[in-house]
Amino acid sequence: MTDSWDADLAGDGYLFWRLRRMSAPEVTQPLVTLAGDPYNMRDCEVTLTDAGHEVLAGRANAIDLNGIDDWLLGVHLVAIRRTPASP
């Protein structure tokens, strides 16, 4: 797309936006922290939180930790919390 950087700007921008959402203040248990400029891929440092390490290791589920309320390809994804049935 440019002579100076071989990035897929549409895909990279979208994925970077999603990465920023993983560290947003309203997230119950952020999976990452951002340092530097959170709006510039080149000037942003990303670090996994303890919760992020647990999800990466398969010992935790990101949706169980933070829920989900998102749109993907026109589909609204929401987590429905079900209570166990009474005996």
N, C-alpha and C. Protein backbone atom coordinates (compact mmCIF):
# COMPACT_ATOMS: atom_id res chain seq x y z
N MET A 1 0.82 -1.20 0.00
CA MET A 1 0.00 0.00 0.00
C MET A 1 0.86 1.26 0.00
N THR A 2 2.01 1.16 0.60
CA THR A 2 2.95 2.28 0.56
C THR A 2 4.34 1.70 0.33
N ASP A 3 5.28 2.56 -0.01
CA ASP A 3 6.65 2.11 -0.20
C ASP A 3 7.38 1.91 1.12
N SER A 4 6.90 2.55 2.18
CA SER A 4 7.65 2.52 3.44
C SER A 4 7.16 1.47 4.43
N TRP A 5 5.99 0.89 4.21
CA TRP A 5 5.46 -0.04 5.20
C TRP A 5 4.57 -1.05 4.50
N ASP A 6 4.80 -2.32 4.70
CA ASP A 6 4.07 -3.37 4.01
C ASP A 6 2.91 -3.89 4.86
N ALA A 7 2.13 -3.03 5.43
CA ALA A 7 1.02 -3.44 6.29
C ALA A 7 -0.27 -3.57 5.50
N ASP A 8 -1.09 -4.49 5.94
CA ASP A 8 -2.45 -4.60 5.43
C ASP A 8 -3.27 -3.66 6.30
N LEU A 9 -3.39 -2.41 5.90
CA LEU A 9 -3.94 -1.38 6.78
C LEU A 9 -5.38 -1.66 7.20
N ALA A 10 -6.19 -2.18 6.32
CA ALA A 10 -7.58 -2.46 6.72
C ALA A 10 -7.61 -3.55 7.78
N GLY A 11 -6.93 -4.65 7.56
CA GLY A 11 -6.90 -5.74 8.53
C GLY A 11 -6.12 -5.38 9.78
N ASP A 12 -4.95 -4.77 9.62
CA ASP A 12 -4.13 -4.38 10.77
C ASP A 12 -4.86 -3.38 11.65
N GLY A 13 -5.50 -2.41 11.03
CA GLY A 13 -6.22 -1.39 11.79
C GLY A 13 -7.36 -1.99 12.60
N TYR A 14 -8.10 -2.90 11.98
CA TYR A 14 -9.21 -3.55 12.67
C TYR A 14 -8.70 -4.40 13.82
N LEU A 15 -7.66 -5.19 13.59
CA LEU A 15 -7.13 -6.04 14.66
C LEU A 15 -6.53 -5.21 15.78
N PHE A 16 -5.89 -4.08 15.44
CA PHE A 16 -5.33 -3.20 16.47
C PHE A 16 -6.46 -2.58 17.30
N TRP A 17 -7.54 -2.22 16.65
CA TRP A 17 -8.72 -1.69 17.36
C TRP A 17 -9.24 -2.73 18.33
N ARG A 18 -9.32 -3.99 17.90
CA ARG A 18 -9.78 -5.08 18.79
C ARG A 18 -8.81 -5.29 19.94
N LEU A 19 -7.53 -5.19 19.68
CA LEU A 19 -6.52 -5.32 20.73
C LEU A 19 -6.71 -4.22 21.78
N ARG A 20 -6.95 -3.00 21.32
CA ARG A 20 -7.19 -1.89 22.27
C ARG A 20 -8.42 -2.16 23.12
N ARG A 21 -9.44 -2.80 22.56
CA ARG A 21 -10.65 -3.12 23.33
C ARG A 21 -10.35 -4.11 24.45
N MET A 22 -9.34 -4.98 24.28
CA MET A 22 -8.98 -5.94 25.32
C MET A 22 -8.38 -5.27 26.55
N SER A 23 -7.99 -4.00 26.41
CA SER A 23 -7.39 -3.28 27.54
C SER A 23 -8.26 -2.10 27.99
N ALA A 24 -9.45 -1.99 27.45
CA ALA A 24 -10.32 -0.85 27.74
C ALA A 24 -10.69 -0.80 29.23
N PRO A 25 -10.87 0.41 29.77
CA PRO A 25 -11.18 0.56 31.19
C PRO A 25 -12.46 -0.15 31.62
N GLU A 26 -13.44 -0.30 30.73
CA GLU A 26 -14.70 -0.94 31.11
C GLU A 26 -14.63 -2.47 31.11
N VAL A 27 -13.52 -3.04 30.66
CA VAL A 27 -13.35 -4.49 30.66
C VAL A 27 -13.10 -4.95 32.10
N THR A 28 -13.86 -5.95 32.53
CA THR A 28 -13.76 -6.45 33.90
C THR A 28 -12.36 -6.95 34.22
N GLN A 29 -11.83 -7.80 33.36
CA GLN A 29 -10.48 -8.35 33.54
C GLN A 29 -9.72 -8.19 32.22
N PRO A 30 -9.04 -7.05 32.03
CA PRO A 30 -8.32 -6.82 30.78
C PRO A 30 -7.32 -7.94 30.50
N LEU A 31 -7.18 -8.29 29.25
CA LEU A 31 -6.26 -9.34 28.85
C LEU A 31 -4.88 -8.79 28.52
N VAL A 32 -4.81 -7.50 28.20
CA VAL A 32 -3.54 -6.84 27.89
C VAL A 32 -3.52 -5.45 28.49
N THR A 33 -2.31 -4.91 28.63
CA THR A 33 -2.14 -3.51 28.97
C THR A 33 -1.36 -2.86 27.82
N LEU A 34 -1.62 -1.59 27.60
CA LEU A 34 -0.94 -0.86 26.54
C LEU A 34 -0.12 0.25 27.15
N ALA A 35 1.08 0.43 26.63
CA ALA A 35 1.94 1.53 27.04
C ALA A 35 2.36 2.29 25.79
N GLY A 36 2.65 3.55 25.96
CA GLY A 36 3.00 4.38 24.80
C GLY A 36 1.74 4.96 24.18
N ASP A 37 1.75 5.10 22.87
CA ASP A 37 0.62 5.67 22.14
C ASP A 37 -0.36 4.57 21.74
N PRO A 38 -1.52 4.48 22.40
CA PRO A 38 -2.45 3.40 22.10
C PRO A 38 -3.16 3.54 20.76
N TYR A 39 -2.88 4.61 20.02
CA TYR A 39 -3.51 4.80 18.71
C TYR A 39 -2.51 4.68 17.57
N ASN A 40 -1.28 4.28 17.90
CA ASN A 40 -0.24 4.14 16.88
C ASN A 40 0.44 2.78 17.07
N MET A 41 0.28 1.88 16.10
CA MET A 41 0.83 0.53 16.23
C MET A 41 2.33 0.54 16.49
N ARG A 42 3.02 1.45 15.86
CA ARG A 42 4.48 1.48 15.99
C ARG A 42 4.94 2.01 17.34
N ASP A 43 4.13 2.82 17.99
CA ASP A 43 4.53 3.45 19.24
C ASP A 43 3.78 2.90 20.43
N CYS A 44 3.26 1.69 20.31
CA CYS A 44 2.48 1.08 21.39
C CYS A 44 3.12 -0.23 21.80
N GLU A 45 3.28 -0.41 23.11
CA GLU A 45 3.81 -1.67 23.63
C GLU A 45 2.68 -2.41 24.33
N VAL A 46 2.51 -3.68 23.99
CA VAL A 46 1.42 -4.49 24.53
C VAL A 46 2.01 -5.55 25.46
N THR A 47 1.40 -5.69 26.64
CA THR A 47 1.85 -6.69 27.61
C THR A 47 0.64 -7.48 28.07
N LEU A 48 0.79 -8.80 28.15
CA LEU A 48 -0.28 -9.64 28.67
C LEU A 48 -0.45 -9.42 30.17
N THR A 49 -1.69 -9.37 30.62
CA THR A 49 -1.99 -9.33 32.05
C THR A 49 -2.01 -10.76 32.57
N ASP A 50 -2.20 -10.91 33.88
CA ASP A 50 -2.33 -12.26 34.44
C ASP A 50 -3.52 -12.98 33.80
N ALA A 51 -4.63 -12.26 33.62
CA ALA A 51 -5.81 -12.86 32.98
C ALA A 51 -5.48 -13.27 31.54
N GLY A 52 -4.72 -12.45 30.83
CA GLY A 52 -4.31 -12.77 29.47
C GLY A 52 -3.46 -14.03 29.42
N HIS A 53 -2.55 -14.18 30.37
CA HIS A 53 -1.73 -15.40 30.44
C HIS A 53 -2.60 -16.63 30.70
N GLU A 54 -3.60 -16.48 31.58
CA GLU A 54 -4.50 -17.60 31.88
C GLU A 54 -5.30 -18.01 30.64
N VAL A 55 -5.79 -17.04 29.88
CA VAL A 55 -6.54 -17.33 28.66
C VAL A 55 -5.61 -17.98 27.63
N LEU A 56 -4.43 -17.43 27.46
CA LEU A 56 -3.48 -17.98 26.49
C LEU A 56 -3.10 -19.42 26.82
N ALA A 57 -2.98 -19.73 28.10
CA ALA A 57 -2.62 -21.08 28.54
C ALA A 57 -3.81 -22.04 28.50
N GLY A 58 -5.01 -21.53 28.24
CA GLY A 58 -6.19 -22.38 28.18
C GLY A 58 -6.80 -22.68 29.54
N ARG A 59 -6.36 -21.96 30.57
CA ARG A 59 -6.90 -22.17 31.92
C ARG A 59 -8.07 -21.25 32.23
N ALA A 60 -8.36 -20.31 31.33
CA ALA A 60 -9.49 -19.39 31.51
C ALA A 60 -10.08 -19.11 30.14
N ASN A 61 -11.31 -18.61 30.14
CA ASN A 61 -12.02 -18.28 28.92
C ASN A 61 -12.30 -16.79 28.93
N ALA A 62 -11.92 -16.09 27.88
CA ALA A 62 -12.08 -14.64 27.82
C ALA A 62 -13.54 -14.23 27.94
N ILE A 63 -14.45 -14.99 27.38
CA ILE A 63 -15.87 -14.64 27.46
C ILE A 63 -16.39 -14.86 28.87
N ASP A 64 -15.94 -15.93 29.53
CA ASP A 64 -16.33 -16.13 30.93
C ASP A 64 -15.83 -14.98 31.80
N LEU A 65 -14.63 -14.48 31.52
CA LEU A 65 -14.05 -13.40 32.32
C LEU A 65 -14.72 -12.06 32.05
N ASN A 66 -14.99 -11.76 30.78
CA ASN A 66 -15.43 -10.41 30.41
C ASN A 66 -16.76 -10.33 29.70
N GLY A 67 -17.39 -11.47 29.46
CA GLY A 67 -18.64 -11.44 28.71
C GLY A 67 -18.37 -11.09 27.25
N ILE A 68 -19.43 -10.94 26.50
CA ILE A 68 -19.30 -10.55 25.09
C ILE A 68 -20.54 -9.78 24.69
N ASP A 69 -20.32 -8.70 24.01
CA ASP A 69 -21.37 -7.89 23.39
C ASP A 69 -20.72 -7.28 22.16
N ASP A 70 -20.81 -7.96 21.04
CA ASP A 70 -20.04 -7.59 19.87
C ASP A 70 -20.83 -7.90 18.61
N TRP A 71 -20.43 -7.30 17.52
CA TRP A 71 -21.01 -7.58 16.21
C TRP A 71 -19.94 -8.21 15.34
N LEU A 72 -20.28 -9.29 14.66
CA LEU A 72 -19.35 -9.97 13.76
C LEU A 72 -20.11 -10.34 12.49
N LEU A 73 -19.73 -9.72 11.39
CA LEU A 73 -20.35 -9.97 10.09
C LEU A 73 -21.86 -9.83 10.13
N GLY A 74 -22.35 -8.82 10.85
CA GLY A 74 -23.77 -8.55 10.93
C GLY A 74 -24.52 -9.35 11.97
N VAL A 75 -23.80 -10.17 12.73
CA VAL A 75 -24.42 -10.98 13.77
C VAL A 75 -24.07 -10.38 15.14
N HIS A 76 -25.09 -10.16 15.96
CA HIS A 76 -24.87 -9.61 17.30
C HIS A 76 -24.59 -10.75 18.26
N LEU A 77 -23.40 -10.77 18.82
CA LEU A 77 -23.00 -11.80 19.77
C LEU A 77 -23.15 -11.28 21.18
N VAL A 78 -23.91 -11.98 22.00
CA VAL A 78 -24.05 -11.62 23.41
C VAL A 78 -24.01 -12.91 24.23
N ALA A 79 -23.41 -12.82 25.39
CA ALA A 79 -23.37 -13.98 26.28
C ALA A 79 -24.64 -14.00 27.10
N ILE A 80 -25.26 -15.14 27.15
CA ILE A 80 -26.46 -15.31 27.96
C ILE A 80 -26.04 -16.14 29.15
N ARG A 81 -26.18 -15.55 30.33
CA ARG A 81 -25.83 -16.26 31.55
C ARG A 81 -27.00 -17.14 31.95
N ARG A 82 -26.77 -18.40 32.04
CA ARG A 82 -27.81 -19.34 32.44
C ARG A 82 -27.54 -19.78 33.86
N THR A 83 -28.58 -19.84 34.62
CA THR A 83 -28.45 -20.33 35.99
C THR A 83 -28.74 -21.82 35.99
N PRO A 84 -28.04 -22.58 36.82
CA PRO A 84 -28.29 -24.02 36.86
C PRO A 84 -29.73 -24.31 37.27
N ALA A 85 -30.25 -25.36 36.70
CA ALA A 85 -31.64 -25.77 37.02
C ALA A 85 -31.71 -26.25 38.46
N SER A 86 -32.80 -25.98 39.12
CA SER A 86 -33.00 -26.44 40.49
C SER A 86 -33.28 -27.93 40.49
N PRO A 87 -32.78 -28.65 41.50
CA PRO A 87 -33.06 -30.10 41.54
C PRO A 87 -34.49 -30.40 41.86
